[in-house]
Amino acid sequence: MKPALFLLFAASLAFAADAAKPAATTPTEPAAKAAKRAAAAGGAQRQAVVPDAVDGVAKEELAKIKVAALKAYQEESVKAARERMAEVRTRLEFATGAEKKDIAADARRAVDEVRSALVTAICKNDPTIKMESLEKVMDAMEDKRTKVMDNAKKKKAAEKAPTADDTAKKKTT
């Protein structure tokens, strides 16, 4: 797994855990109402982690998943998995190129562990959620994080690239 994807995943989970607990919603409440209620309760950052729409998942099912996910981030098993992932991330941050390759397997395991703990906690919070829908939502979350991370890489590379003015200044000095 790419370290950048791992870091994005870790960052999104870190934002999710820092927000306050959302107010309770009913399983049939529309996703828009669930998002407004969570935002009012300070869960706006966590709400952004779960996409607003996923192909093949009904809005009611998605609303149930969002509510269960918000609760799942407060579970001890998810917190412990996220802490282990943060530890791997700090090792990656200061590693050299060769060391990063060695740590990559640990990073993938940590991401898988967080996903597994999150799925387990979500299913525990709401046993009526269909596993197919939950897997689609989890995949959509990972795709969303990948796109954001790729855009961040492109932006960072563009900022690092010297402009024509910079190269002209270097030649004259």
Protein backbone atom coordinates (compact mmCIF):
# COMPACT_ATOMS: atom_id res chain seq x y z
CA MET A 1 0.00 0.00 0.00
CA LYS A 2 1.22 3.45 -0.76
CA PRO A 3 2.32 5.35 2.34
CA ALA A 4 0.42 8.40 1.13
CA LEU A 5 -2.87 6.49 1.06
CA PHE A 6 -2.15 5.22 4.52
CA LEU A 7 -1.47 8.72 5.81
CA LEU A 8 -4.70 10.02 4.31
CA PHE A 9 -6.64 7.17 5.87
CA ALA A 10 -5.03 7.87 9.24
CA ALA A 11 -5.71 11.59 8.99
CA SER A 12 -9.37 11.10 8.14
CA LEU A 13 -9.80 8.74 11.07
CA ALA A 14 -8.01 11.17 13.36
CA PHE A 15 -10.46 13.91 12.42
CA ALA A 16 -13.33 11.52 12.94
CA ALA A 17 -12.33 10.61 16.49
CA ASP A 18 -11.83 14.20 17.61
CA ALA A 19 -15.39 15.32 16.92
CA ALA A 20 -18.13 15.13 19.54
CA LYS A 21 -20.69 12.35 19.69
CA PRO A 22 -23.69 12.87 17.39
CA ALA A 23 -27.30 12.96 18.49
CA ALA A 24 -29.21 9.71 17.97
CA THR A 25 -31.11 9.24 14.72
CA THR A 26 -33.69 6.71 13.67
CA PRO A 27 -32.67 4.08 11.09
CA THR A 28 -35.19 5.37 8.57
CA GLU A 29 -34.25 9.04 8.90
CA PRO A 30 -33.01 10.46 5.59
CA ALA A 31 -29.26 10.93 5.19
CA ALA A 32 -29.61 14.71 4.92
CA LYS A 33 -31.30 14.94 8.32
CA ALA A 34 -28.69 12.64 9.84
CA ALA A 35 -25.92 14.84 8.44
CA LYS A 36 -27.56 18.02 9.80
CA ARG A 37 -28.08 16.47 13.20
CA ALA A 38 -24.50 15.20 13.37
CA ALA A 39 -23.17 18.61 12.29
CA ALA A 40 -25.22 20.29 14.97
CA ALA A 41 -23.74 17.92 17.53
CA GLY A 42 -20.20 18.71 16.39
CA GLY A 43 -19.79 15.60 14.22
CA ALA A 44 -19.36 17.46 10.94
CA GLN A 45 -15.82 16.22 10.43
CA ARG A 46 -16.77 12.59 10.98
CA GLN A 47 -19.81 12.94 8.78
CA ALA A 48 -17.56 13.90 5.89
CA VAL A 49 -15.73 10.56 6.12
CA VAL A 50 -18.79 8.59 4.97
CA PRO A 51 -19.85 9.58 1.42
CA ASP A 52 -23.26 11.17 0.93
CA ALA A 53 -24.18 8.69 -1.81
CA VAL A 54 -22.87 5.24 -2.75
CA ASP A 55 -23.98 3.27 -5.80
CA GLY A 56 -26.04 0.27 -4.80
CA VAL A 57 -26.77 1.48 -1.26
CA ALA A 58 -30.18 2.86 -0.33
CA LYS A 59 -30.30 6.25 1.38
CA GLU A 60 -31.91 4.75 4.47
CA GLU A 61 -29.20 2.10 4.70
CA LEU A 62 -26.51 4.75 4.23
CA ALA A 63 -28.06 6.85 7.00
CA LYS A 64 -27.95 3.84 9.35
CA ILE A 65 -24.31 3.22 8.43
CA LYS A 66 -23.39 6.86 9.10
CA VAL A 67 -25.00 6.81 12.53
CA ALA A 68 -23.40 3.47 13.43
CA ALA A 69 -20.01 4.68 12.14
CA LEU A 70 -20.17 7.77 14.31
CA LYS A 71 -20.71 5.56 17.34
CA ALA A 72 -18.07 3.07 16.20
CA TYR A 73 -15.31 5.69 16.28
CA GLN A 74 -15.84 5.92 20.04
CA GLU A 75 -15.35 2.16 20.63
CA GLU A 76 -12.16 1.10 22.40
CA SER A 77 -11.24 -1.48 19.75
CA VAL A 78 -11.36 1.15 17.01
CA LYS A 79 -9.41 3.63 19.12
CA ALA A 80 -6.72 1.01 19.85
CA ALA A 81 -6.43 0.10 16.16
CA ARG A 82 -6.13 3.77 15.26
CA GLU A 83 -3.41 4.25 17.86
CA ARG A 84 -1.43 1.37 16.37
CA MET A 85 -1.89 2.92 12.93
CA ALA A 86 -0.68 6.28 14.23
CA GLU A 87 2.42 4.60 15.61
CA VAL A 88 3.19 3.08 12.22
CA ARG A 89 2.55 6.46 10.59
CA THR A 90 5.11 8.14 12.85
CA ARG A 91 7.64 5.45 11.95
CA LEU A 92 6.92 6.12 8.27
CA GLU A 93 7.28 9.86 8.68
CA PHE A 94 10.94 9.74 9.59
CA ALA A 95 11.96 6.64 7.62
CA THR A 96 14.32 6.60 4.67
CA GLY A 97 13.35 5.11 1.31
CA ALA A 98 14.55 1.58 2.15
CA GLU A 99 12.96 1.68 5.59
CA LYS A 100 9.65 2.83 4.11
CA LYS A 101 9.51 -0.31 2.00
CA ASP A 102 9.97 -2.42 5.14
CA ILE A 103 7.30 -0.49 7.05
CA ALA A 104 4.80 -0.62 4.15
CA ALA A 105 3.61 -4.10 5.14
CA ASP A 106 3.05 -2.92 8.71
CA ALA A 107 1.12 0.05 7.39
CA ARG A 108 -1.14 -2.17 5.28
CA ARG A 109 -1.80 -4.43 8.27
CA ALA A 110 -2.61 -1.41 10.43
CA VAL A 111 -5.06 -0.07 7.84
CA ASP A 112 -6.69 -3.50 7.53
CA GLU A 113 -6.92 -3.75 11.31
CA VAL A 114 -8.65 -0.35 11.56
CA ARG A 115 -11.07 -1.30 8.79
CA SER A 116 -11.83 -4.63 10.45
CA ALA A 117 -12.36 -3.01 13.85
CA LEU A 118 -14.57 -0.34 12.30
CA VAL A 119 -16.71 -2.88 10.42
CA THR A 120 -17.08 -4.97 13.57
CA ALA A 121 -18.05 -1.95 15.67
CA ILE A 122 -20.54 -0.72 13.07
CA CYS A 123 -22.20 -4.13 12.89
CA LYS A 124 -22.30 -4.26 16.69
CA ASN A 125 -23.91 -0.81 16.89
CA ASP A 126 -26.59 -1.67 14.32
CA PRO A 127 -27.02 -5.38 13.52
CA THR A 128 -29.67 -4.56 10.89
CA ILE A 129 -27.05 -3.14 8.51
CA LYS A 130 -26.43 -5.36 5.50
CA MET A 131 -22.83 -6.46 5.13
CA GLU A 132 -22.95 -5.91 1.35
CA SER A 133 -23.93 -2.28 1.85
CA LEU A 134 -21.32 -1.77 4.53
CA GLU A 135 -18.56 -3.16 2.31
CA LYS A 136 -19.63 -0.87 -0.55
CA VAL A 137 -19.55 2.13 1.77
CA MET A 138 -16.14 1.17 3.18
CA ASP A 139 -14.78 0.80 -0.37
CA ALA A 140 -16.24 4.18 -1.32
CA MET A 141 -14.60 5.73 1.74
CA GLU A 142 -11.23 4.31 0.71
CA ASP A 143 -11.69 5.52 -2.88
CA LYS A 144 -12.55 8.99 -1.62
CA ARG A 145 -9.44 9.07 0.56
CA THR A 146 -7.31 7.87 -2.36
CA LYS A 147 -8.58 10.66 -4.62
CA VAL A 148 -8.00 13.30 -1.96
CA MET A 149 -4.50 11.99 -1.35
CA ASP A 150 -3.68 11.94 -5.06
CA ASN A 151 -4.87 15.53 -5.41
CA ALA A 152 -2.76 16.53 -2.41
CA LYS A 153 0.31 14.87 -3.98
CA LYS A 154 -0.25 16.71 -7.25
CA LYS A 155 -0.69 20.02 -5.44
CA LYS A 156 2.44 19.46 -3.37
CA ALA A 157 4.45 18.52 -6.47
CA ALA A 158 3.20 21.63 -8.25
CA GLU A 159 4.27 23.80 -5.32
CA LYS A 160 7.73 22.23 -5.26
CA ALA A 161 8.31 22.60 -9.01
CA PRO A 162 10.39 25.69 -9.73
CA THR A 163 8.78 28.36 -11.84
CA ALA A 164 10.44 30.08 -14.79
CA ASP A 165 11.03 33.19 -12.65
CA ASP A 166 12.84 31.11 -10.01
CA THR A 167 15.18 29.55 -12.54
CA ALA A 168 15.92 32.96 -14.10
CA LYS A 169 16.81 34.37 -10.67
CA LYS A 170 19.17 31.49 -9.98
CA LYS A 171 21.02 32.05 -13.25
CA THR A 172 21.51 35.76 -12.61
CA THR A 173 22.76 35.41 -9.05
